[in-house]
């Protein structure tokens, strides 16, 4: 009997790498999909390649979708200053990329249906998220309805399932799950900045470092780089 297929949206960060490891543990053969979307740097895509190799994933697509053509985010427009003063409650930061998850999941649905995959695994997390509207459970629920309506397999009653196994986990819990699944955390990249080392100052670095310390792995946290 053939092993079932799942597409994993793999950014190269901790959450998506853990989601890929969960898909493998769930018994799926994984197809990894990474997007070059006009972000400031390519470090996360380099990390995605390392994760693919470490988890022995055989199929990895890297697709260009240049959202930087119209900007709207500090991740895709270098004229917009990157916030470095911490996450603000109830405020969507300028690192939010308009429509990014909607575009990414739509592409993943196309890939999944073309390859006969049963599921798409997402590293979306709502507990420690930075205020992004497309990281909420209700967003996934709404997109699941769209996936059922918009595809041939959905009309035939075999809709591709959107899996967000980390959506309600704390970031520290994600670290613990990653360690238990032998995710190569040191190979992942979460920093919004490029460079040789993570900056330690951006929202993503702060959230990651706090989680690593809370989970009991302070040695994996990165120091704040001096300007």
C-alpha atoms as a PDB file:
ATOM      1  CA  UNK A   1       0.000   0.000   0.000  1.00  0.00           C
ATOM      2  CA  UNK A   2       1.377   3.401  -0.975  1.00  0.00           C
ATOM      3  CA  UNK A   3       2.281   5.816   1.803  1.00  0.00           C
ATOM      4  CA  UNK A   4      -0.123   8.788   1.969  1.00  0.00           C
ATOM      5  CA  UNK A   5       1.222  12.177   0.887  1.00  0.00           C
ATOM      6  CA  UNK A   6       1.170  15.511   2.676  1.00  0.00           C
ATOM      7  CA  UNK A   7       2.435  18.908   1.572  1.00  0.00           C
ATOM      8  CA  UNK A   8       4.232  20.921   4.248  1.00  0.00           C
ATOM      9  CA  UNK A   9       4.667  24.682   3.916  1.00  0.00           C
ATOM     10  CA  UNK A  10       8.278  24.960   5.053  1.00  0.00           C
ATOM     11  CA  UNK A  11       9.640  28.430   5.675  1.00  0.00           C
ATOM     12  CA  UNK A  12      12.814  27.236   7.371  1.00  0.00           C
ATOM     13  CA  UNK A  13      11.673  28.462  10.781  1.00  0.00           C
ATOM     14  CA  UNK A  14      11.158  26.481  13.963  1.00  0.00           C
ATOM     15  CA  UNK A  15       7.379  26.154  13.668  1.00  0.00           C
ATOM     16  CA  UNK A  16       7.275  24.911  10.084  1.00  0.00           C
ATOM     17  CA  UNK A  17      10.176  22.500  10.687  1.00  0.00           C
ATOM     18  CA  UNK A  18       8.318  21.054  13.673  1.00  0.00           C
ATOM     19  CA  UNK A  19       5.161  20.778  11.600  1.00  0.00           C
ATOM     20  CA  UNK A  20       7.115  18.830   8.972  1.00  0.00           C
ATOM     21  CA  UNK A  21       8.430  16.460  11.638  1.00  0.00           C
ATOM     22  CA  UNK A  22       4.884  15.947  12.938  1.00  0.00           C
ATOM     23  CA  UNK A  23       3.662  15.108   9.417  1.00  0.00           C
ATOM     24  CA  UNK A  24       6.410  12.503   9.131  1.00  0.00           C
ATOM     25  CA  UNK A  25       5.533  11.093  12.556  1.00  0.00           C
ATOM     26  CA  UNK A  26       1.893  10.913  11.446  1.00  0.00           C
ATOM     27  CA  UNK A  27       2.975   8.509   8.712  1.00  0.00           C
ATOM     28  CA  UNK A  28       2.972  10.805   5.688  1.00  0.00           C
ATOM     29  CA  UNK A  29       5.479  11.010   2.903  1.00  0.00           C
ATOM     30  CA  UNK A  30       6.220  14.721   2.881  1.00  0.00           C
ATOM     31  CA  UNK A  31       6.442  17.115  -0.042  1.00  0.00           C
ATOM     32  CA  UNK A  32       8.034  20.330   1.205  1.00  0.00           C
ATOM     33  CA  UNK A  33       7.059  23.668  -0.332  1.00  0.00           C
ATOM     34  CA  UNK A  34       9.045  26.848   0.319  1.00  0.00           C
ATOM     35  CA  UNK A  35       8.282  30.279  -1.104  1.00  0.00           C
ATOM     36  CA  UNK A  36      10.713  32.974  -2.130  1.00  0.00           C
ATOM     37  CA  UNK A  37       8.322  35.886  -1.749  1.00  0.00           C
ATOM     38  CA  UNK A  38      10.644  38.874  -1.984  1.00  0.00           C
ATOM     39  CA  UNK A  39      11.657  38.784   1.673  1.00  0.00           C
ATOM     40  CA  UNK A  40      14.687  40.782   2.781  1.00  0.00           C
ATOM     41  CA  UNK A  41      17.018  37.797   2.841  1.00  0.00           C
ATOM     42  CA  UNK A  42      17.373  34.179   1.762  1.00  0.00           C
ATOM     43  CA  UNK A  43      18.542  32.777   5.104  1.00  0.00           C
ATOM     44  CA  UNK A  44      15.229  31.096   5.851  1.00  0.00           C
ATOM     45  CA  UNK A  45      15.263  29.361   2.455  1.00  0.00           C
ATOM     46  CA  UNK A  46      18.793  28.155   3.134  1.00  0.00           C
ATOM     47  CA  UNK A  47      17.522  26.860   6.470  1.00  0.00           C
ATOM     48  CA  UNK A  48      14.604  25.114   4.747  1.00  0.00           C
ATOM     49  CA  UNK A  49      17.063  23.183   2.590  1.00  0.00           C
ATOM     50  CA  UNK A  50      18.974  22.101   5.713  1.00  0.00           C
ATOM     51  CA  UNK A  51      15.764  20.960   7.405  1.00  0.00           C
ATOM     52  CA  UNK A  52      14.738  18.984   4.317  1.00  0.00           C
ATOM     53  CA  UNK A  53      18.088  17.198   4.346  1.00  0.00           C
ATOM     54  CA  UNK A  54      18.044  16.566   8.101  1.00  0.00           C
ATOM     55  CA  UNK A  55      14.514  15.134   8.057  1.00  0.00           C
ATOM     56  CA  UNK A  56      15.274  13.113   4.903  1.00  0.00           C
ATOM     57  CA  UNK A  57      12.430  14.677   2.915  1.00  0.00           C
ATOM     58  CA  UNK A  58      12.769  13.537  -0.697  1.00  0.00           C
ATOM     59  CA  UNK A  59      10.737  16.204  -2.506  1.00  0.00           C
ATOM     60  CA  UNK A  60      11.208  19.963  -2.044  1.00  0.00           C
ATOM     61  CA  UNK A  61       9.743  22.691  -4.238  1.00  0.00           C
ATOM     62  CA  UNK A  62      10.980  26.287  -3.983  1.00  0.00           C
ATOM     63  CA  UNK A  63       8.720  28.719  -5.808  1.00  0.00           C
ATOM     64  CA  UNK A  64       9.102  32.430  -6.581  1.00  0.00           C
ATOM     65  CA  UNK A  65       6.124  34.617  -5.672  1.00  0.00           C
ATOM     66  CA  UNK A  66       7.483  38.137  -5.466  1.00  0.00           C
ATOM     67  CA  UNK A  67       5.225  40.025  -3.054  1.00  0.00           C
ATOM     68  CA  UNK A  68       7.866  42.733  -2.689  1.00  0.00           C
ATOM     69  CA  UNK A  69       6.689  44.247  -5.970  1.00  0.00           C
ATOM     70  CA  UNK A  70       4.008  46.084  -4.007  1.00  0.00           C
ATOM     71  CA  UNK A  71       5.530  45.947  -0.523  1.00  0.00           C
ATOM     72  CA  UNK A  72       3.297  46.799   2.407  1.00  0.00           C
ATOM     73  CA  UNK A  73       5.473  45.080   5.008  1.00  0.00           C
ATOM     74  CA  UNK A  74       8.865  45.626   6.601  1.00  0.00           C
ATOM     75  CA  UNK A  75       9.687  42.053   5.554  1.00  0.00           C
ATOM     76  CA  UNK A  76       9.333  42.928   1.867  1.00  0.00           C
ATOM     77  CA  UNK A  77      10.150  46.645   1.764  1.00  0.00           C
ATOM     78  CA  UNK A  78      13.524  47.820   3.063  1.00  0.00           C
ATOM     79  CA  UNK A  79      12.233  51.400   3.244  1.00  0.00           C
ATOM     80  CA  UNK A  80       9.998  50.352   6.158  1.00  0.00           C
ATOM     81  CA  UNK A  81      11.846  50.130   9.466  1.00  0.00           C
ATOM     82  CA  UNK A  82      11.870  46.727  11.137  1.00  0.00           C
ATOM     83  CA  UNK A  83      10.430  46.902  14.697  1.00  0.00           C
ATOM     84  CA  UNK A  84      12.955  45.949  17.376  1.00  0.00           C
ATOM     85  CA  UNK A  85      11.236  47.069  20.572  1.00  0.00           C
ATOM     86  CA  UNK A  86       9.144  43.972  21.276  1.00  0.00           C
ATOM     87  CA  UNK A  87       5.654  42.679  20.524  1.00  0.00           C
ATOM     88  CA  UNK A  88       2.843  45.094  21.357  1.00  0.00           C
ATOM     89  CA  UNK A  89      -0.450  43.565  22.597  1.00  0.00           C
ATOM     90  CA  UNK A  90      -3.430  44.048  20.271  1.00  0.00           C
ATOM     91  CA  UNK A  91      -1.301  45.675  17.590  1.00  0.00           C
ATOM     92  CA  UNK A  92      -0.632  44.098  14.198  1.00  0.00           C
ATOM     93  CA  UNK A  93       3.049  44.854  13.519  1.00  0.00           C
ATOM     94  CA  UNK A  94       4.407  46.056  10.199  1.00  0.00           C
ATOM     95  CA  UNK A  95       6.048  42.644   9.728  1.00  0.00           C
ATOM     96  CA  UNK A  96       2.610  41.412   8.680  1.00  0.00           C
ATOM     97  CA  UNK A  97       2.772  40.651   4.940  1.00  0.00           C
ATOM     98  CA  UNK A  98      -0.601  41.362   3.276  1.00  0.00           C
ATOM     99  CA  UNK A  99      -2.184  38.149   2.035  1.00  0.00           C
ATOM    100  CA  UNK A 100       0.923  36.021   2.533  1.00  0.00           C
ATOM    101  CA  UNK A 101      -0.658  32.964   4.138  1.00  0.00           C
ATOM    102  CA  UNK A 102      -3.645  33.144   1.803  1.00  0.00           C
ATOM    103  CA  UNK A 103      -1.349  33.104  -1.229  1.00  0.00           C
ATOM    104  CA  UNK A 104       0.891  30.398   0.232  1.00  0.00           C
ATOM    105  CA  UNK A 105      -1.922  28.035   1.193  1.00  0.00           C
ATOM    106  CA  UNK A 106      -3.576  28.483  -2.206  1.00  0.00           C
ATOM    107  CA  UNK A 107      -0.331  27.422  -3.889  1.00  0.00           C
ATOM    108  CA  UNK A 108       0.012  24.506  -1.478  1.00  0.00           C
ATOM    109  CA  UNK A 109      -3.529  23.412  -2.355  1.00  0.00           C
ATOM    110  CA  UNK A 110      -2.648  23.406  -6.039  1.00  0.00           C
ATOM    111  CA  UNK A 111       0.473  21.325  -5.381  1.00  0.00           C
ATOM    112  CA  UNK A 112      -1.366  18.950  -3.069  1.00  0.00           C
ATOM    113  CA  UNK A 113      -4.179  18.288  -5.522  1.00  0.00           C
ATOM    114  CA  UNK A 114      -1.774  17.841  -8.436  1.00  0.00           C
ATOM    115  CA  UNK A 115       0.279  15.302  -6.475  1.00  0.00           C
ATOM    116  CA  UNK A 116      -2.637  13.512  -4.844  1.00  0.00           C
ATOM    117  CA  UNK A 117      -1.768  14.628  -1.300  1.00  0.00           C
ATOM    118  CA  UNK A 118      -4.353  14.169   1.440  1.00  0.00           C
ATOM    119  CA  UNK A 119      -3.242  16.970   3.724  1.00  0.00           C
ATOM    120  CA  UNK A 120      -1.354  20.237   4.024  1.00  0.00           C
ATOM    121  CA  UNK A 121       0.599  20.839   7.230  1.00  0.00           C
ATOM    122  CA  UNK A 122       1.023  24.424   8.400  1.00  0.00           C
ATOM    123  CA  UNK A 123       3.272  25.831  11.119  1.00  0.00           C
ATOM    124  CA  UNK A 124       0.684  28.465  12.046  1.00  0.00           C
ATOM    125  CA  UNK A 125       0.564  29.310  15.749  1.00  0.00           C
ATOM    126  CA  UNK A 126      -2.077  31.499  17.427  1.00  0.00           C
ATOM    127  CA  UNK A 127      -0.860  31.592  21.034  1.00  0.00           C
ATOM    128  CA  UNK A 128       2.436  33.433  20.622  1.00  0.00           C
ATOM    129  CA  UNK A 129       1.693  34.925  17.232  1.00  0.00           C
ATOM    130  CA  UNK A 130       2.568  38.571  16.590  1.00  0.00           C
ATOM    131  CA  UNK A 131      -0.982  39.755  15.973  1.00  0.00           C
ATOM    132  CA  UNK A 132      -1.252  38.347  12.443  1.00  0.00           C
ATOM    133  CA  UNK A 133      -4.901  37.819  11.422  1.00  0.00           C
ATOM    134  CA  UNK A 134      -3.984  34.846   9.197  1.00  0.00           C
ATOM    135  CA  UNK A 135      -2.584  32.806  12.112  1.00  0.00           C
ATOM    136  CA  UNK A 136      -5.904  32.282  13.900  1.00  0.00           C
ATOM    137  CA  UNK A 137      -7.918  29.031  14.123  1.00  0.00           C
ATOM    138  CA  UNK A 138     -10.949  30.732  12.548  1.00  0.00           C
ATOM    139  CA  UNK A 139      -8.819  31.641   9.539  1.00  0.00           C
ATOM    140  CA  UNK A 140      -7.863  27.979   9.062  1.00  0.00           C
ATOM    141  CA  UNK A 141     -11.500  26.923   9.456  1.00  0.00           C
ATOM    142  CA  UNK A 142     -12.584  29.396   6.794  1.00  0.00           C
ATOM    143  CA  UNK A 143      -9.839  28.316   4.416  1.00  0.00           C
ATOM    144  CA  UNK A 144     -10.823  24.672   4.927  1.00  0.00           C
ATOM    145  CA  UNK A 145     -14.282  25.514   3.601  1.00  0.00           C
ATOM    146  CA  UNK A 146     -12.685  27.173   0.586  1.00  0.00           C
ATOM    147  CA  UNK A 147     -10.458  24.139   0.010  1.00  0.00           C
ATOM    148  CA  UNK A 148     -13.536  21.922  -0.009  1.00  0.00           C
ATOM    149  CA  UNK A 149     -15.408  24.143  -2.470  1.00  0.00           C
ATOM    150  CA  UNK A 150     -12.611  25.125  -4.835  1.00  0.00           C
ATOM    151  CA  UNK A 151     -11.103  21.786  -5.846  1.00  0.00           C
ATOM    152  CA  UNK A 152     -12.071  18.724  -7.856  1.00  0.00           C
ATOM    153  CA  UNK A 153     -11.210  16.447  -4.942  1.00  0.00           C
ATOM    154  CA  UNK A 154     -13.326  18.619  -2.642  1.00  0.00           C
ATOM    155  CA  UNK A 155     -16.354  18.358  -4.913  1.00  0.00           C
ATOM    156  CA  UNK A 156     -15.810  14.597  -5.002  1.00  0.00           C
ATOM    157  CA  UNK A 157     -15.912  14.478  -1.203  1.00  0.00           C
ATOM    158  CA  UNK A 158     -12.164  14.001  -0.667  1.00  0.00           C
ATOM    159  CA  UNK A 159     -11.166  17.507   0.337  1.00  0.00           C
ATOM    160  CA  UNK A 160      -7.533  18.100   1.212  1.00  0.00           C
ATOM    161  CA  UNK A 161      -7.269  18.655   4.952  1.00  0.00           C
ATOM    162  CA  UNK A 162      -5.495  21.691   6.373  1.00  0.00           C
ATOM    163  CA  UNK A 163      -3.543  20.577   9.420  1.00  0.00           C
ATOM    164  CA  UNK A 164      -2.273  23.137  11.925  1.00  0.00           C
ATOM    165  CA  UNK A 165      -0.905  20.922  14.717  1.00  0.00           C
ATOM    166  CA  UNK A 166       0.784  23.801  16.553  1.00  0.00           C
ATOM    167  CA  UNK A 167      -1.999  26.365  16.354  1.00  0.00           C
ATOM    168  CA  UNK A 168      -2.860  26.248  20.079  1.00  0.00           C
ATOM    169  CA  UNK A 169       0.585  25.378  21.461  1.00  0.00           C
ATOM    170  CA  UNK A 170       2.704  27.843  23.375  1.00  0.00           C
ATOM    171  CA  UNK A 171       6.047  28.586  21.780  1.00  0.00           C
ATOM    172  CA  UNK A 172       7.804  26.747  24.604  1.00  0.00           C
ATOM    173  CA  UNK A 173       5.610  23.708  23.935  1.00  0.00           C
ATOM    174  CA  UNK A 174       6.619  23.869  20.279  1.00  0.00           C
ATOM    175  CA  UNK A 175      10.273  23.797  21.317  1.00  0.00           C
ATOM    176  CA  UNK A 176       9.590  20.730  23.470  1.00  0.00           C
ATOM    177  CA  UNK A 177       7.795  18.978  20.610  1.00  0.00           C
ATOM    178  CA  UNK A 178      10.638  19.855  18.266  1.00  0.00           C
ATOM    179  CA  UNK A 179      13.179  18.340  20.637  1.00  0.00           C
ATOM    180  CA  UNK A 180      11.127  15.165  21.086  1.00  0.00           C
ATOM    181  CA  UNK A 181      10.900  14.776  17.294  1.00  0.00           C
ATOM    182  CA  UNK A 182      14.622  15.497  16.810  1.00  0.00           C
ATOM    183  CA  UNK A 183      14.018  18.613  14.751  1.00  0.00           C
ATOM    184  CA  UNK A 184      17.382  20.258  13.943  1.00  0.00           C
ATOM    185  CA  UNK A 185      16.552  23.480  15.802  1.00  0.00           C
ATOM    186  CA  UNK A 186      20.025  24.907  15.264  1.00  0.00           C
ATOM    187  CA  UNK A 187      19.490  24.645  11.491  1.00  0.00           C
ATOM    188  CA  UNK A 188      16.242  26.621  11.537  1.00  0.00           C
ATOM    189  CA  UNK A 189      16.105  30.385  11.028  1.00  0.00           C
ATOM    190  CA  UNK A 190      13.484  32.655  12.578  1.00  0.00           C
ATOM    191  CA  UNK A 191      15.146  36.087  12.488  1.00  0.00           C
ATOM    192  CA  UNK A 192      13.484  38.726  10.320  1.00  0.00           C
ATOM    193  CA  UNK A 193      16.895  40.170   9.514  1.00  0.00           C
ATOM    194  CA  UNK A 194      19.535  38.561   7.328  1.00  0.00           C
ATOM    195  CA  UNK A 195      23.167  38.333   8.299  1.00  0.00           C
ATOM    196  CA  UNK A 196      25.501  35.710   9.633  1.00  0.00           C
ATOM    197  CA  UNK A 197      23.766  35.499  13.021  1.00  0.00           C
ATOM    198  CA  UNK A 198      20.197  36.202  14.229  1.00  0.00           C
ATOM    199  CA  UNK A 199      19.790  39.770  15.485  1.00  0.00           C
ATOM    200  CA  UNK A 200      18.173  38.843  18.779  1.00  0.00           C
ATOM    201  CA  UNK A 201      16.105  42.054  18.664  1.00  0.00           C
ATOM    202  CA  UNK A 202      13.282  41.510  16.168  1.00  0.00           C
ATOM    203  CA  UNK A 203       9.923  40.168  17.350  1.00  0.00           C
ATOM    204  CA  UNK A 204      10.643  36.717  15.967  1.00  0.00           C
ATOM    205  CA  UNK A 205      14.020  36.455  17.711  1.00  0.00           C
ATOM    206  CA  UNK A 206      12.530  37.643  21.006  1.00  0.00           C
ATOM    207  CA  UNK A 207       9.678  35.115  20.876  1.00  0.00           C
ATOM    208  CA  UNK A 208      12.021  32.278  19.887  1.00  0.00           C
ATOM    209  CA  UNK A 209      14.630  33.064  22.531  1.00  0.00           C
ATOM    210  CA  UNK A 210      12.042  33.363  25.289  1.00  0.00           C
ATOM    211  CA  UNK A 211      10.564  30.002  24.284  1.00  0.00           C
ATOM    212  CA  UNK A 212      13.940  28.275  24.202  1.00  0.00           C
ATOM    213  CA  UNK A 213      14.739  29.554  27.678  1.00  0.00           C
ATOM    214  CA  UNK A 214      11.297  28.627  29.057  1.00  0.00           C
ATOM    215  CA  UNK A 215      11.543  25.147  27.547  1.00  0.00           C
ATOM    216  CA  UNK A 216      14.912  24.586  29.211  1.00  0.00           C
ATOM    217  CA  UNK A 217      17.277  25.085  26.289  1.00  0.00           C
ATOM    218  CA  UNK A 218      18.931  28.467  26.927  1.00  0.00           C
ATOM    219  CA  UNK A 219      22.065  27.327  25.144  1.00  0.00           C
ATOM    220  CA  UNK A 220      20.130  27.448  21.856  1.00  0.00           C
ATOM    221  CA  UNK A 221      19.068  31.075  22.342  1.00  0.00           C
ATOM    222  CA  UNK A 222      20.936  33.734  20.414  1.00  0.00           C
ATOM    223  CA  UNK A 223      22.514  36.842  21.945  1.00  0.00           C
ATOM    224  CA  UNK A 224      21.457  40.336  20.985  1.00  0.00           C
ATOM    225  CA  UNK A 225      23.880  41.635  18.360  1.00  0.00           C
ATOM    226  CA  UNK A 226      25.531  44.980  19.014  1.00  0.00           C
ATOM    227  CA  UNK A 227      24.752  47.695  16.479  1.00  0.00           C
END
